[in-house]
Structures are given as structure tokens and as C-alpha cells.
């Protein structure tokens, strides 16, 4: 790399790669923050979102029913 144009092109490529990497990293952080909900940002209802919500509701109902006292 001898000319200044080569250095500028290399810098632009590195900045583009860094930007894409940051976007992917933020996507993983956002999904981790939302509790691994794959449908947290879906604008429309879909089968996956319906199944996820149904699973969460069934899980909450099962926990309330299955709690037993140690004295029983």
C-alpha cells in the first residue's frame, strides 16, 4: 500500500466491517436483554409468537398449581 488512496480505501473497509460487527453485537445484546424472546420486536402476530405466548401462559399456570407445602 503505497498511495494515500489505498490507505483511505482500507480505512473505509475497516469502518464498514466494524459497523456491521457492532450491529450484530447489538442484536445479540437486545435479544439477551428481552429474555430470549424471539418475537419481542415482531410487528405482526405469527405462529411462533402465538406458541411462545401460549407456552409462557401455561408455564405460569403450571407453577401456581404445582406449588405444594412441605407440610402436606
PDB file of N, CA and C in Angstrom:
ATOM      1  N   UNK A   1       0.840  -1.172   0.000  1.00  0.00           N
ATOM      2  CA  UNK A   1       0.000   0.000   0.000  1.00  0.00           C
ATOM      3  C   UNK A   1       0.889   1.241   0.000  1.00  0.00           C
ATOM      4  N   UNK A   2       0.966   1.870  -1.105  1.00  0.00           N
ATOM      5  CA  UNK A   2       1.866   2.993  -1.204  1.00  0.00           C
ATOM      6  C   UNK A   2       1.161   4.332  -1.228  1.00  0.00           C
ATOM      7  N   UNK A   3       0.056   4.413  -1.904  1.00  0.00           N
ATOM      8  CA  UNK A   3      -0.565   5.725  -2.056  1.00  0.00           C
ATOM      9  C   UNK A   3      -1.577   5.987  -0.952  1.00  0.00           C
ATOM     10  N   UNK A   4      -1.909   7.247  -0.783  1.00  0.00           N
ATOM     11  CA  UNK A   4      -2.857   7.626   0.256  1.00  0.00           C
ATOM     12  C   UNK A   4      -4.265   7.143  -0.065  1.00  0.00           C
ATOM     13  N   UNK A   5      -4.578   6.932  -1.351  1.00  0.00           N
ATOM     14  CA  UNK A   5      -5.895   6.418  -1.729  1.00  0.00           C
ATOM     15  C   UNK A   5      -6.090   4.988  -1.230  1.00  0.00           C
ATOM     16  N   UNK A   6      -5.035   4.196  -1.274  1.00  0.00           N
ATOM     17  CA  UNK A   6      -5.122   2.825  -0.754  1.00  0.00           C
ATOM     18  C   UNK A   6      -5.405   2.825   0.741  1.00  0.00           C
ATOM     19  N   UNK A   7      -4.770   3.733   1.465  1.00  0.00           N
ATOM     20  CA  UNK A   7      -4.998   3.823   2.903  1.00  0.00           C
ATOM     21  C   UNK A   7      -6.431   4.263   3.215  1.00  0.00           C
ATOM     22  N   UNK A   8      -6.959   5.172   2.442  1.00  0.00           N
ATOM     23  CA  UNK A   8      -8.336   5.637   2.663  1.00  0.00           C
ATOM     24  C   UNK A   8      -9.332   4.515   2.372  1.00  0.00           C
ATOM     25  N   UNK A   9      -9.103   3.767   1.296  1.00  0.00           N
ATOM     26  CA  UNK A   9      -9.988   2.645   0.974  1.00  0.00           C
ATOM     27  C   UNK A   9      -9.933   1.599   2.078  1.00  0.00           C
ATOM     28  N   UNK A  10      -8.735   1.300   2.575  1.00  0.00           N
ATOM     29  CA  UNK A  10      -8.587   0.323   3.661  1.00  0.00           C
ATOM     30  C   UNK A  10      -9.311   0.812   4.915  1.00  0.00           C
ATOM     31  N   UNK A  11      -9.208   2.103   5.211  1.00  0.00           N
ATOM     32  CA  UNK A  11      -9.883   2.657   6.379  1.00  0.00           C
ATOM     33  C   UNK A  11     -11.401   2.566   6.249  1.00  0.00           C
ATOM     34  N   UNK A  12     -11.930   2.855   5.079  1.00  0.00           N
ATOM     35  CA  UNK A  12     -13.372   2.771   4.846  1.00  0.00           C
ATOM     36  C   UNK A  12     -13.852   1.331   4.992  1.00  0.00           C
ATOM     37  N   UNK A  13     -13.094   0.370   4.473  1.00  0.00           N
ATOM     38  CA  UNK A  13     -13.466  -1.042   4.587  1.00  0.00           C
ATOM     39  C   UNK A  13     -13.465  -1.476   6.046  1.00  0.00           C
ATOM     40  N   UNK A  14     -12.453  -1.062   6.790  1.00  0.00           N
ATOM     41  CA  UNK A  14     -12.387  -1.427   8.211  1.00  0.00           C
ATOM     42  C   UNK A  14     -13.561  -0.808   8.971  1.00  0.00           C
ATOM     43  N   UNK A  15     -13.895   0.430   8.679  1.00  0.00           N
ATOM     44  CA  UNK A  15     -15.037   1.074   9.346  1.00  0.00           C
ATOM     45  C   UNK A  15     -16.361   0.388   9.007  1.00  0.00           C
ATOM     46  N   UNK A  16     -16.513  -0.051   7.771  1.00  0.00           N
ATOM     47  CA  UNK A  16     -17.735  -0.778   7.389  1.00  0.00           C
ATOM     48  C   UNK A  16     -17.830  -2.104   8.120  1.00  0.00           C
ATOM     49  N   UNK A  17     -16.733  -2.818   8.209  1.00  0.00           N
ATOM     50  CA  UNK A  17     -16.732  -4.101   8.923  1.00  0.00           C
ATOM     51  C   UNK A  17     -17.038  -3.880  10.402  1.00  0.00           C
ATOM     52  N   UNK A  18     -16.479  -2.827  10.984  1.00  0.00           N
ATOM     53  CA  UNK A  18     -16.741  -2.523  12.390  1.00  0.00           C
ATOM     54  C   UNK A  18     -18.216  -2.197  12.610  1.00  0.00           C
ATOM     55  N   UNK A  19     -18.803  -1.456  11.694  1.00  0.00           N
ATOM     56  CA  UNK A  19     -20.222  -1.088  11.818  1.00  0.00           C
ATOM     57  C   UNK A  19     -21.122  -2.316  11.749  1.00  0.00           C
ATOM     58  N   UNK A  20     -20.847  -3.214  10.830  1.00  0.00           N
ATOM     59  CA  UNK A  20     -21.633  -4.449  10.718  1.00  0.00           C
ATOM     60  C   UNK A  20     -21.458  -5.291  11.978  1.00  0.00           C
ATOM     61  N   UNK A  21     -20.237  -5.367  12.472  1.00  0.00           N
ATOM     62  CA  UNK A  21     -19.984  -6.126  13.701  1.00  0.00           C
ATOM     63  C   UNK A  21     -20.730  -5.552  14.890  1.00  0.00           C
ATOM     64  N   UNK A  22     -20.763  -4.226  14.996  1.00  0.00           N
ATOM     65  CA  UNK A  22     -21.496  -3.594  16.091  1.00  0.00           C
ATOM     66  C   UNK A  22     -22.994  -3.844  15.979  1.00  0.00           C
ATOM     67  N   UNK A  23     -23.525  -3.851  14.769  1.00  0.00           N
ATOM     68  CA  UNK A  23     -24.949  -4.119  14.577  1.00  0.00           C
ATOM     69  C   UNK A  23     -25.315  -5.535  15.014  1.00  0.00           C
ATOM     70  N   UNK A  24     -24.477  -6.484  14.643  1.00  0.00           N
ATOM     71  CA  UNK A  24     -24.722  -7.875  15.046  1.00  0.00           C
ATOM     72  C   UNK A  24     -24.611  -8.003  16.555  1.00  0.00           C
ATOM     73  N   UNK A  25     -23.607  -7.373  17.148  1.00  0.00           N
ATOM     74  CA  UNK A  25     -23.419  -7.429  18.605  1.00  0.00           C
ATOM     75  C   UNK A  25     -24.625  -6.827  19.321  1.00  0.00           C
ATOM     76  N   UNK A  26     -25.113  -5.690  18.849  1.00  0.00           N
ATOM     77  CA  UNK A  26     -26.287  -5.058  19.464  1.00  0.00           C
ATOM     78  C   UNK A  26     -27.524  -5.928  19.333  1.00  0.00           C
ATOM     79  N   UNK A  27     -27.661  -6.639  18.229  1.00  0.00           N
ATOM     80  CA  UNK A  27     -28.798  -7.534  18.058  1.00  0.00           C
ATOM     81  C   UNK A  27     -28.770  -8.631  19.117  1.00  0.00           C
ATOM     82  N   UNK A  28     -27.584  -9.203  19.368  1.00  0.00           N
ATOM     83  CA  UNK A  28     -27.488 -10.244  20.388  1.00  0.00           C
ATOM     84  C   UNK A  28     -27.722  -9.679  21.782  1.00  0.00           C
ATOM     85  N   UNK A  29     -27.229  -8.491  22.054  1.00  0.00           N
ATOM     86  CA  UNK A  29     -27.461  -7.885  23.367  1.00  0.00           C
ATOM     87  C   UNK A  29     -28.937  -7.572  23.573  1.00  0.00           C
ATOM     88  N   UNK A  30     -29.597  -7.098  22.533  1.00  0.00           N
ATOM     89  CA  UNK A  30     -31.017  -6.765  22.632  1.00  0.00           C
ATOM     90  C   UNK A  30     -31.847  -8.016  22.881  1.00  0.00           C
ATOM     91  N   UNK A  31     -31.513  -9.110  22.200  1.00  0.00           N
ATOM     92  CA  UNK A  31     -32.268 -10.338  22.414  1.00  0.00           C
ATOM     93  C   UNK A  31     -31.990 -10.912  23.795  1.00  0.00           C
ATOM     94  N   UNK A  32     -30.787 -10.739  24.312  1.00  0.00           N
ATOM     95  CA  UNK A  32     -30.466 -11.214  25.653  1.00  0.00           C
ATOM     96  C   UNK A  32     -31.208 -10.390  26.700  1.00  0.00           C
ATOM     97  N   UNK A  33     -31.305  -9.090  26.469  1.00  0.00           N
ATOM     98  CA  UNK A  33     -31.985  -8.203  27.413  1.00  0.00           C
ATOM     99  C   UNK A  33     -33.485  -8.495  27.445  1.00  0.00           C
ATOM    100  N   UNK A  34     -34.067  -8.889  26.327  1.00  0.00           N
ATOM    101  CA  UNK A  34     -35.501  -9.148  26.242  1.00  0.00           C
ATOM    102  C   UNK A  34     -35.869 -10.534  26.758  1.00  0.00           C
ATOM    103  N   UNK A  35     -34.954 -11.249  27.337  1.00  0.00           N
ATOM    104  CA  UNK A  35     -35.257 -12.555  27.894  1.00  0.00           C
ATOM    105  C   UNK A  35     -35.356 -13.643  26.845  1.00  0.00           C
ATOM    106  N   UNK A  36     -34.605 -13.525  25.811  1.00  0.00           N
ATOM    107  CA  UNK A  36     -34.555 -14.525  24.739  1.00  0.00           C
ATOM    108  C   UNK A  36     -35.901 -14.709  24.061  1.00  0.00           C
ATOM    109  N   UNK A  37     -36.678 -13.675  24.016  1.00  0.00           N
ATOM    110  CA  UNK A  37     -37.962 -13.730  23.335  1.00  0.00           C
ATOM    111  C   UNK A  37     -37.724 -13.466  21.850  1.00  0.00           C
ATOM    112  N   UNK A  38     -37.915 -14.464  20.989  1.00  0.00           N
ATOM    113  CA  UNK A  38     -37.646 -14.257  19.572  1.00  0.00           C
ATOM    114  C   UNK A  38     -38.644 -13.328  18.901  1.00  0.00           C
ATOM    115  N   UNK A  39     -39.766 -13.075  19.536  1.00  0.00           N
ATOM    116  CA  UNK A  39     -40.813 -12.261  18.923  1.00  0.00           C
ATOM    117  C   UNK A  39     -40.979 -10.913  19.618  1.00  0.00           C
ATOM    118  N   UNK A  40     -39.985 -10.476  20.344  1.00  0.00           N
ATOM    119  CA  UNK A  40     -40.116  -9.231  21.097  1.00  0.00           C
ATOM    120  C   UNK A  40     -40.338  -8.039  20.178  1.00  0.00           C
ATOM    121  N   UNK A  41     -39.813  -8.071  18.972  1.00  0.00           N
ATOM    122  CA  UNK A  41     -39.913  -6.935  18.077  1.00  0.00           C
ATOM    123  C   UNK A  41     -40.744  -7.237  16.836  1.00  0.00           C
ATOM    124  N   UNK A  42     -41.538  -8.289  16.849  1.00  0.00           N
ATOM    125  CA  UNK A  42     -42.380  -8.619  15.697  1.00  0.00           C
ATOM    126  C   UNK A  42     -43.562  -7.651  15.643  1.00  0.00           C
ATOM    127  N   UNK A  43     -43.774  -7.007  14.516  1.00  0.00           N
ATOM    128  CA  UNK A  43     -44.910  -6.087  14.429  1.00  0.00           C
ATOM    129  C   UNK A  43     -46.236  -6.798  14.207  1.00  0.00           C
ATOM    130  N   UNK A  44     -46.206  -7.997  13.650  1.00  0.00           N
ATOM    131  CA  UNK A  44     -47.433  -8.717  13.342  1.00  0.00           C
ATOM    132  C   UNK A  44     -47.462 -10.025  14.116  1.00  0.00           C
ATOM    133  N   UNK A  45     -48.655 -10.494  14.456  1.00  0.00           N
ATOM    134  CA  UNK A  45     -48.740 -11.790  15.119  1.00  0.00           C
ATOM    135  C   UNK A  45     -48.358 -12.914  14.148  1.00  0.00           C
ATOM    136  N   UNK A  46     -47.698 -13.911  14.657  1.00  0.00           N
ATOM    137  CA  UNK A  46     -47.323 -15.049  13.835  1.00  0.00           C
ATOM    138  C   UNK A  46     -47.457 -16.310  14.678  1.00  0.00           C
ATOM    139  N   UNK A  47     -47.315 -17.461  14.071  1.00  0.00           N
ATOM    140  CA  UNK A  47     -47.466 -18.728  14.792  1.00  0.00           C
ATOM    141  C   UNK A  47     -46.420 -18.866  15.889  1.00  0.00           C
ATOM    142  N   UNK A  48     -45.196 -18.443  15.610  1.00  0.00           N
ATOM    143  CA  UNK A  48     -44.147 -18.552  16.607  1.00  0.00           C
ATOM    144  C   UNK A  48     -44.468 -17.696  17.824  1.00  0.00           C
ATOM    145  N   UNK A  49     -44.965 -16.484  17.593  1.00  0.00           N
ATOM    146  CA  UNK A  49     -45.315 -15.599  18.704  1.00  0.00           C
ATOM    147  C   UNK A  49     -46.481 -16.171  19.494  1.00  0.00           C
ATOM    148  N   UNK A  50     -47.471 -16.712  18.815  1.00  0.00           N
ATOM    149  CA  UNK A  50     -48.625 -17.303  19.490  1.00  0.00           C
ATOM    150  C   UNK A  50     -48.186 -18.493  20.349  1.00  0.00           C
ATOM    151  N   UNK A  51     -47.326 -19.353  19.795  1.00  0.00           N
ATOM    152  CA  UNK A  51     -46.842 -20.516  20.539  1.00  0.00           C
ATOM    153  C   UNK A  51     -46.012 -20.090  21.743  1.00  0.00           C
ATOM    154  N   UNK A  52     -45.192 -19.069  21.566  1.00  0.00           N
ATOM    155  CA  UNK A  52     -44.360 -18.591  22.671  1.00  0.00           C
ATOM    156  C   UNK A  52     -45.235 -18.045  23.800  1.00  0.00           C
ATOM    157  N   UNK A  53     -46.217 -17.224  23.454  1.00  0.00           N
ATOM    158  CA  UNK A  53     -47.108 -16.663  24.470  1.00  0.00           C
ATOM    159  C   UNK A  53     -47.911 -17.752  25.167  1.00  0.00           C
ATOM    160  N   UNK A  54     -48.349 -18.740  24.418  1.00  0.00           N
ATOM    161  CA  UNK A  54     -49.100 -19.845  24.998  1.00  0.00           C
ATOM    162  C   UNK A  54     -48.222 -20.645  25.959  1.00  0.00           C
ATOM    163  N   UNK A  55     -46.988 -20.860  25.592  1.00  0.00           N
ATOM    164  CA  UNK A  55     -46.058 -21.600  26.452  1.00  0.00           C
ATOM    165  C   UNK A  55     -45.801 -20.831  27.747  1.00  0.00           C
ATOM    166  N   UNK A  56     -45.635 -19.509  27.641  1.00  0.00           N
ATOM    167  CA  UNK A  56     -45.400 -18.692  28.827  1.00  0.00           C
ATOM    168  C   UNK A  56     -46.618 -18.734  29.744  1.00  0.00           C
ATOM    169  N   UNK A  57     -47.814 -18.634  29.172  1.00  0.00           N
ATOM    170  CA  UNK A  57     -49.027 -18.673  29.990  1.00  0.00           C
ATOM    171  C   UNK A  57     -49.193 -20.027  30.659  1.00  0.00           C
ATOM    172  N   UNK A  58     -48.956 -21.107  29.928  1.00  0.00           N
ATOM    173  CA  UNK A  58     -49.086 -22.444  30.509  1.00  0.00           C
ATOM    174  C   UNK A  58     -48.041 -22.667  31.586  1.00  0.00           C
ATOM    175  N   UNK A  59     -46.880 -22.151  31.393  1.00  0.00           N
ATOM    176  CA  UNK A  59     -45.818 -22.307  32.381  1.00  0.00           C
ATOM    177  C   UNK A  59     -46.186 -21.591  33.675  1.00  0.00           C
ATOM    178  N   UNK A  60     -46.716 -20.402  33.564  1.00  0.00           N
ATOM    179  CA  UNK A  60     -47.108 -19.645  34.756  1.00  0.00           C
ATOM    180  C   UNK A  60     -48.253 -20.322  35.494  1.00  0.00           C
ATOM    181  N   UNK A  61     -49.227 -20.856  34.763  1.00  0.00           N
ATOM    182  CA  UNK A  61     -50.352 -21.548  35.391  1.00  0.00           C
ATOM    183  C   UNK A  61     -49.886 -22.842  36.047  1.00  0.00           C
ATOM    184  N   UNK A  62     -48.979 -23.558  35.433  1.00  0.00           N
ATOM    185  CA  UNK A  62     -48.481 -24.807  35.997  1.00  0.00           C
ATOM    186  C   UNK A  62     -47.700 -24.553  37.275  1.00  0.00           C
ATOM    187  N   UNK A  63     -46.936 -23.469  37.332  1.00  0.00           N
ATOM    188  CA  UNK A  63     -46.158 -23.160  38.526  1.00  0.00           C
ATOM    189  C   UNK A  63     -47.067 -22.867  39.711  1.00  0.00           C
ATOM    190  N   UNK A  64     -48.159 -22.157  39.469  1.00  0.00           N
ATOM    191  CA  UNK A  64     -49.063 -21.809  40.557  1.00  0.00           C
ATOM    192  C   UNK A  64     -49.773 -23.050  41.089  1.00  0.00           C
ATOM    193  N   UNK A  65     -50.130 -23.977  40.214  1.00  0.00           N
ATOM    194  CA  UNK A  65     -50.853 -25.171  40.644  1.00  0.00           C
ATOM    195  C   UNK A  65     -49.942 -26.189  41.307  1.00  0.00           C
ATOM    196  N   UNK A  66     -48.690 -26.236  40.880  1.00  0.00           N
ATOM    197  CA  UNK A  66     -47.823 -27.307  41.358  1.00  0.00           C
ATOM    198  C   UNK A  66     -47.090 -26.955  42.651  1.00  0.00           C
ATOM    199  N   UNK A  67     -47.244 -25.740  43.166  1.00  0.00           N
ATOM    200  CA  UNK A  67     -46.585 -25.381  44.406  1.00  0.00           C
ATOM    201  C   UNK A  67     -47.263 -26.125  45.548  1.00  0.00           C
ATOM    202  N   UNK A  68     -46.464 -26.854  46.289  1.00  0.00           N
ATOM    203  CA  UNK A  68     -47.000 -27.633  47.389  1.00  0.00           C
ATOM    204  C   UNK A  68     -46.299 -27.217  48.669  1.00  0.00           C
ATOM    205  N   UNK A  69     -46.994 -27.333  49.713  1.00  0.00           N
ATOM    206  CA  UNK A  69     -46.414 -27.023  51.018  1.00  0.00           C
ATOM    207  C   UNK A  69     -45.620 -28.224  51.501  1.00  0.00           C
ATOM    208  N   UNK A  70     -44.620 -27.982  52.279  1.00  0.00           N
ATOM    209  CA  UNK A  70     -43.815 -29.093  52.802  1.00  0.00           C
ATOM    210  C   UNK A  70     -44.567 -29.845  53.887  1.00  0.00           C
ATOM    211  N   UNK A  71     -45.619 -29.246  54.423  1.00  0.00           N
ATOM    212  CA  UNK A  71     -46.388 -29.880  55.496  1.00  0.00           C
ATOM    213  C   UNK A  71     -47.450 -30.815  54.988  1.00  0.00           C
ATOM    214  N   UNK A  72     -47.786 -30.766  53.723  1.00  0.00           N
ATOM    215  CA  UNK A  72     -48.875 -31.602  53.198  1.00  0.00           C
ATOM    216  C   UNK A  72     -48.405 -32.993  52.910  1.00  0.00           C
TER     217      UNK A  72
END
